[in-house]
Amino acid sequence: MTMECWVLIPFKNSVEETACLFEDYREDLENYQREREAKCESDSRMRENSLDEEAEKLGIKGLYRLIKKHENLLERHRSAIIELSNGNSNRAYNILQGYND
C-alpha cells in the first residue's frame, strides 16, 4: 500500500509563519486526513477480502494468512531498524512489540 506524503517547507524560512499559514486551514486539513485514512482503510479491507476469497477458492487460506503475518513481521522489523539507525531505541522497541501510535 502506498501512502501519500507531502513535505512542508517553511514559508520564508520561518516555521512560525508556516504554522500560522496552515493554522487557518487546520480543520480542512484534518478532515482531509481523516477522509484519506478512511479511504485507505476501506481500500485495504476490500483488497484483503478479495485475497481471502481467492485464497479460499484455491484451498490455501491458512497458508495465505501465514504469509500475511510474516510480511507484517518483516515490515515491523524494517521499521524498527530504521528507528534504531535514527537513534530512537524506545520507538524501535515499541514497533517490535506491535504497539502503534
N, C-alpha and C. Protein backbone atom coordinates (compact mmCIF):
# COMPACT_ATOMS: atom_id res chain seq x y z
N MET A 1 0.84 -1.17 0.00
CA MET A 1 0.00 0.00 0.00
C MET A 1 0.89 1.24 0.00
N THR A 2 0.56 2.18 -0.86
CA THR A 2 1.31 3.42 -0.89
C THR A 2 0.55 4.49 -0.14
N MET A 3 1.26 5.32 0.54
CA MET A 3 0.66 6.41 1.28
C MET A 3 1.13 7.72 0.65
N GLU A 4 0.21 8.67 0.55
CA GLU A 4 0.60 9.96 0.03
C GLU A 4 1.41 10.68 1.10
N CYS A 5 2.35 11.49 0.66
CA CYS A 5 3.22 12.19 1.60
C CYS A 5 3.57 13.55 1.03
N TRP A 6 3.54 14.53 1.90
CA TRP A 6 3.94 15.87 1.50
C TRP A 6 5.02 16.35 2.45
N VAL A 7 5.97 17.09 1.93
CA VAL A 7 6.98 17.73 2.75
C VAL A 7 6.64 19.21 2.77
N LEU A 8 6.36 19.72 3.95
CA LEU A 8 6.01 21.12 4.09
C LEU A 8 7.28 21.91 4.37
N ILE A 9 7.66 22.74 3.44
CA ILE A 9 8.86 23.54 3.59
C ILE A 9 8.47 24.87 4.21
N PRO A 10 9.15 25.29 5.25
CA PRO A 10 8.79 26.55 5.91
C PRO A 10 8.74 27.72 4.93
N PHE A 11 7.70 28.49 5.04
CA PHE A 11 7.48 29.68 4.23
C PHE A 11 8.44 30.78 4.69
N LYS A 12 9.24 31.29 3.79
CA LYS A 12 10.23 32.33 4.10
C LYS A 12 11.14 31.93 5.26
N ASN A 13 11.52 30.65 5.31
CA ASN A 13 12.42 30.13 6.34
C ASN A 13 11.92 30.37 7.76
N SER A 14 10.63 30.50 7.94
CA SER A 14 10.09 30.74 9.26
C SER A 14 9.04 29.68 9.59
N VAL A 15 9.36 28.83 10.55
CA VAL A 15 8.42 27.79 10.97
C VAL A 15 7.17 28.43 11.54
N GLU A 16 7.31 29.52 12.27
CA GLU A 16 6.15 30.19 12.87
C GLU A 16 5.19 30.70 11.80
N GLU A 17 5.76 31.32 10.74
CA GLU A 17 4.91 31.82 9.66
C GLU A 17 4.21 30.67 8.96
N THR A 18 4.91 29.57 8.77
CA THR A 18 4.30 28.41 8.14
C THR A 18 3.20 27.85 9.01
N ALA A 19 3.44 27.75 10.31
CA ALA A 19 2.42 27.24 11.23
C ALA A 19 1.18 28.12 11.18
N CYS A 20 1.36 29.43 11.15
CA CYS A 20 0.22 30.35 11.06
C CYS A 20 -0.51 30.17 9.75
N LEU A 21 0.25 30.00 8.66
CA LEU A 21 -0.35 29.81 7.36
C LEU A 21 -1.25 28.57 7.34
N PHE A 22 -0.78 27.47 7.90
CA PHE A 22 -1.55 26.24 7.89
C PHE A 22 -2.61 26.21 8.98
N GLU A 23 -2.43 26.99 10.03
CA GLU A 23 -3.42 27.02 11.12
C GLU A 23 -4.78 27.46 10.60
N ASP A 24 -4.79 28.37 9.63
CA ASP A 24 -6.05 28.83 9.05
C ASP A 24 -6.82 27.70 8.38
N TYR A 25 -6.12 26.66 7.98
CA TYR A 25 -6.74 25.54 7.26
C TYR A 25 -6.72 24.25 8.06
N ARG A 26 -6.44 24.35 9.36
CA ARG A 26 -6.30 23.16 10.20
C ARG A 26 -7.50 22.22 10.08
N GLU A 27 -8.69 22.75 10.23
CA GLU A 27 -9.89 21.90 10.20
C GLU A 27 -10.03 21.21 8.85
N ASP A 28 -9.82 21.96 7.76
CA ASP A 28 -9.90 21.37 6.43
C ASP A 28 -8.85 20.28 6.25
N LEU A 29 -7.63 20.55 6.70
CA LEU A 29 -6.55 19.57 6.57
C LEU A 29 -6.82 18.32 7.41
N GLU A 30 -7.34 18.52 8.62
CA GLU A 30 -7.66 17.37 9.47
C GLU A 30 -8.80 16.55 8.87
N ASN A 31 -9.81 17.22 8.31
CA ASN A 31 -10.90 16.50 7.65
C ASN A 31 -10.39 15.72 6.46
N TYR A 32 -9.52 16.35 5.68
CA TYR A 32 -8.94 15.67 4.52
C TYR A 32 -8.14 14.44 4.96
N GLN A 33 -7.36 14.61 6.02
CA GLN A 33 -6.57 13.49 6.52
C GLN A 33 -7.48 12.34 6.96
N ARG A 34 -8.54 12.66 7.69
CA ARG A 34 -9.48 11.59 8.12
C ARG A 34 -10.11 10.89 6.92
N GLU A 35 -10.50 11.68 5.90
CA GLU A 35 -11.09 11.09 4.70
C GLU A 35 -10.11 10.16 4.00
N ARG A 36 -8.85 10.60 3.84
CA ARG A 36 -7.84 9.79 3.17
C ARG A 36 -7.55 8.51 3.97
N GLU A 37 -7.44 8.64 5.30
CA GLU A 37 -7.19 7.46 6.13
C GLU A 37 -8.34 6.48 6.03
N ALA A 38 -9.59 6.98 6.03
CA ALA A 38 -10.75 6.11 5.92
C ALA A 38 -10.76 5.41 4.56
N LYS A 39 -10.43 6.16 3.49
CA LYS A 39 -10.40 5.55 2.16
C LYS A 39 -9.30 4.49 2.07
N CYS A 40 -8.13 4.80 2.61
CA CYS A 40 -7.03 3.82 2.59
C CYS A 40 -7.43 2.56 3.36
N GLU A 41 -8.06 2.74 4.51
CA GLU A 41 -8.51 1.59 5.31
C GLU A 41 -9.56 0.78 4.55
N SER A 42 -10.51 1.47 3.93
CA SER A 42 -11.55 0.80 3.16
C SER A 42 -10.95 0.03 1.98
N ASP A 43 -10.04 0.67 1.24
CA ASP A 43 -9.38 0.01 0.11
C ASP A 43 -8.60 -1.21 0.58
N SER A 44 -7.92 -1.08 1.71
CA SER A 44 -7.14 -2.19 2.25
C SER A 44 -8.05 -3.36 2.62
N ARG A 45 -9.17 -3.06 3.27
CA ARG A 45 -10.12 -4.12 3.63
C ARG A 45 -10.67 -4.81 2.40
N MET A 46 -10.99 -4.03 1.35
CA MET A 46 -11.51 -4.62 0.12
C MET A 46 -10.48 -5.54 -0.51
N ARG A 47 -9.21 -5.11 -0.54
CA ARG A 47 -8.15 -5.96 -1.09
C ARG A 47 -7.99 -7.24 -0.27
N GLU A 48 -8.00 -7.08 1.05
CA GLU A 48 -7.87 -8.26 1.93
C GLU A 48 -9.02 -9.24 1.70
N ASN A 49 -10.24 -8.72 1.62
CA ASN A 49 -11.40 -9.59 1.41
C ASN A 49 -11.31 -10.31 0.07
N SER A 50 -10.88 -9.60 -0.95
CA SER A 50 -10.73 -10.20 -2.27
C SER A 50 -9.68 -11.30 -2.24
N LEU A 51 -8.55 -11.01 -1.60
CA LEU A 51 -7.49 -12.02 -1.50
C LEU A 51 -7.93 -13.21 -0.65
N ASP A 52 -8.69 -12.96 0.41
CA ASP A 52 -9.22 -14.06 1.23
C ASP A 52 -10.11 -14.97 0.40
N GLU A 53 -10.97 -14.38 -0.41
CA GLU A 53 -11.87 -15.17 -1.25
C GLU A 53 -11.09 -16.02 -2.25
N GLU A 54 -10.10 -15.41 -2.90
CA GLU A 54 -9.28 -16.15 -3.86
C GLU A 54 -8.50 -17.28 -3.18
N ALA A 55 -7.92 -16.98 -2.01
CA ALA A 55 -7.15 -17.99 -1.30
C ALA A 55 -8.06 -19.14 -0.87
N GLU A 56 -9.27 -18.82 -0.45
CA GLU A 56 -10.21 -19.88 -0.03
C GLU A 56 -10.60 -20.74 -1.23
N LYS A 57 -10.82 -20.13 -2.39
CA LYS A 57 -11.14 -20.88 -3.61
C LYS A 57 -10.02 -21.84 -3.96
N LEU A 58 -8.78 -21.38 -3.73
CA LEU A 58 -7.62 -22.22 -4.06
C LEU A 58 -7.28 -23.22 -2.96
N GLY A 59 -7.96 -23.11 -1.83
CA GLY A 59 -7.71 -24.02 -0.72
C GLY A 59 -6.44 -23.70 0.05
N ILE A 60 -6.00 -22.45 0.02
CA ILE A 60 -4.75 -22.08 0.71
C ILE A 60 -4.95 -20.93 1.70
N LYS A 61 -6.15 -20.83 2.25
CA LYS A 61 -6.43 -19.70 3.12
C LYS A 61 -5.48 -19.66 4.32
N GLY A 62 -5.23 -20.80 4.95
CA GLY A 62 -4.32 -20.83 6.09
C GLY A 62 -2.91 -20.41 5.71
N LEU A 63 -2.43 -20.89 4.57
CA LEU A 63 -1.10 -20.53 4.08
C LEU A 63 -1.03 -19.04 3.76
N TYR A 64 -2.06 -18.54 3.15
CA TYR A 64 -2.12 -17.12 2.81
C TYR A 64 -2.04 -16.27 4.07
N ARG A 65 -2.79 -16.64 5.10
CA ARG A 65 -2.76 -15.87 6.36
C ARG A 65 -1.37 -15.94 7.00
N LEU A 66 -0.72 -17.08 6.94
CA LEU A 66 0.64 -17.21 7.47
C LEU A 66 1.61 -16.28 6.73
N ILE A 67 1.49 -16.23 5.42
CA ILE A 67 2.34 -15.36 4.62
C ILE A 67 2.09 -13.89 4.98
N LYS A 68 0.82 -13.50 5.15
CA LYS A 68 0.49 -12.11 5.51
C LYS A 68 1.08 -11.76 6.88
N LYS A 69 1.00 -12.67 7.83
CA LYS A 69 1.58 -12.42 9.15
C LYS A 69 3.09 -12.26 9.05
N HIS A 70 3.72 -13.08 8.22
CA HIS A 70 5.17 -13.00 8.01
C HIS A 70 5.54 -11.66 7.38
N GLU A 71 4.77 -11.21 6.38
CA GLU A 71 5.02 -9.91 5.76
C GLU A 71 4.91 -8.79 6.78
N ASN A 72 3.90 -8.85 7.63
CA ASN A 72 3.71 -7.82 8.66
C ASN A 72 4.89 -7.81 9.64
N LEU A 73 5.37 -8.98 10.01
CA LEU A 73 6.50 -9.07 10.91
C LEU A 73 7.76 -8.49 10.27
N LEU A 74 8.00 -8.81 9.00
CA LEU A 74 9.15 -8.25 8.28
C LEU A 74 9.06 -6.73 8.21
N GLU A 75 7.87 -6.20 7.97
CA GLU A 75 7.70 -4.75 7.90
C GLU A 75 7.98 -4.11 9.26
N ARG A 76 7.54 -4.74 10.33
CA ARG A 76 7.85 -4.21 11.66
C ARG A 76 9.34 -4.20 11.91
N HIS A 77 10.04 -5.26 11.49
CA HIS A 77 11.49 -5.30 11.67
C HIS A 77 12.18 -4.21 10.85
N ARG A 78 11.73 -4.00 9.61
CA ARG A 78 12.31 -2.93 8.78
C ARG A 78 12.12 -1.58 9.47
N SER A 79 10.92 -1.33 9.96
CA SER A 79 10.63 -0.05 10.62
C SER A 79 11.47 0.11 11.88
N ALA A 80 11.63 -0.96 12.64
CA ALA A 80 12.43 -0.90 13.86
C ALA A 80 13.90 -0.61 13.54
N ILE A 81 14.41 -1.20 12.49
CA ILE A 81 15.80 -0.96 12.09
C ILE A 81 15.99 0.51 11.71
N ILE A 82 15.03 1.07 11.00
CA ILE A 82 15.11 2.49 10.64
C ILE A 82 15.12 3.35 11.90
N GLU A 83 14.24 3.03 12.84
CA GLU A 83 14.19 3.81 14.09
C GLU A 83 15.50 3.67 14.87
N LEU A 84 16.05 2.47 14.92
CA LEU A 84 17.32 2.28 15.61
C LEU A 84 18.44 3.09 14.94
N SER A 85 18.45 3.09 13.62
CA SER A 85 19.50 3.84 12.92
C SER A 85 19.36 5.34 13.14
N ASN A 86 18.15 5.79 13.49
CA ASN A 86 17.91 7.20 13.80
C ASN A 86 18.07 7.49 15.29
N GLY A 87 18.50 6.48 16.06
CA GLY A 87 18.74 6.68 17.49
C GLY A 87 17.49 6.62 18.35
N ASN A 88 16.41 6.08 17.81
CA ASN A 88 15.14 6.01 18.55
C ASN A 88 14.90 4.59 19.06
N SER A 89 15.66 4.19 20.07
CA SER A 89 15.57 2.81 20.55
C SER A 89 14.22 2.51 21.19
N ASN A 90 13.64 3.46 21.90
CA ASN A 90 12.32 3.21 22.51
C ASN A 90 11.26 3.01 21.44
N ARG A 91 11.30 3.83 20.40
CA ARG A 91 10.34 3.70 19.30
C ARG A 91 10.54 2.35 18.61
N ALA A 92 11.77 1.95 18.41
CA ALA A 92 12.06 0.66 17.77
C ALA A 92 11.49 -0.48 18.62
N TYR A 93 11.68 -0.40 19.93
CA TYR A 93 11.14 -1.43 20.83
C TYR A 93 9.62 -1.50 20.70
N ASN A 94 8.97 -0.34 20.70
CA ASN A 94 7.51 -0.32 20.59
C ASN A 94 7.03 -0.91 19.27
N ILE A 95 7.75 -0.63 18.21
CA ILE A 95 7.39 -1.20 16.90
C ILE A 95 7.51 -2.71 16.94
N LEU A 96 8.61 -3.21 17.50
CA LEU A 96 8.79 -4.66 17.59
C LEU A 96 7.73 -5.33 18.45
N GLN A 97 7.26 -4.62 19.45
CA GLN A 97 6.20 -5.16 20.32
C GLN A 97 4.83 -5.09 19.66
N GLY A 98 4.74 -4.35 18.55
CA GLY A 98 3.46 -4.23 17.84
C GLY A 98 2.60 -3.10 18.33
N TYR A 99 3.20 -2.19 19.11
CA TYR A 99 2.44 -1.04 19.59
C TYR A 99 2.37 0.00 18.49
N ASN A 100 1.21 0.54 18.27
CA ASN A 100 1.04 1.60 17.27
C ASN A 100 0.78 2.90 17.98
N ASP A 101 1.22 3.99 17.35
CA ASP A 101 0.96 5.33 17.91
C ASP A 101 -0.47 5.72 17.66
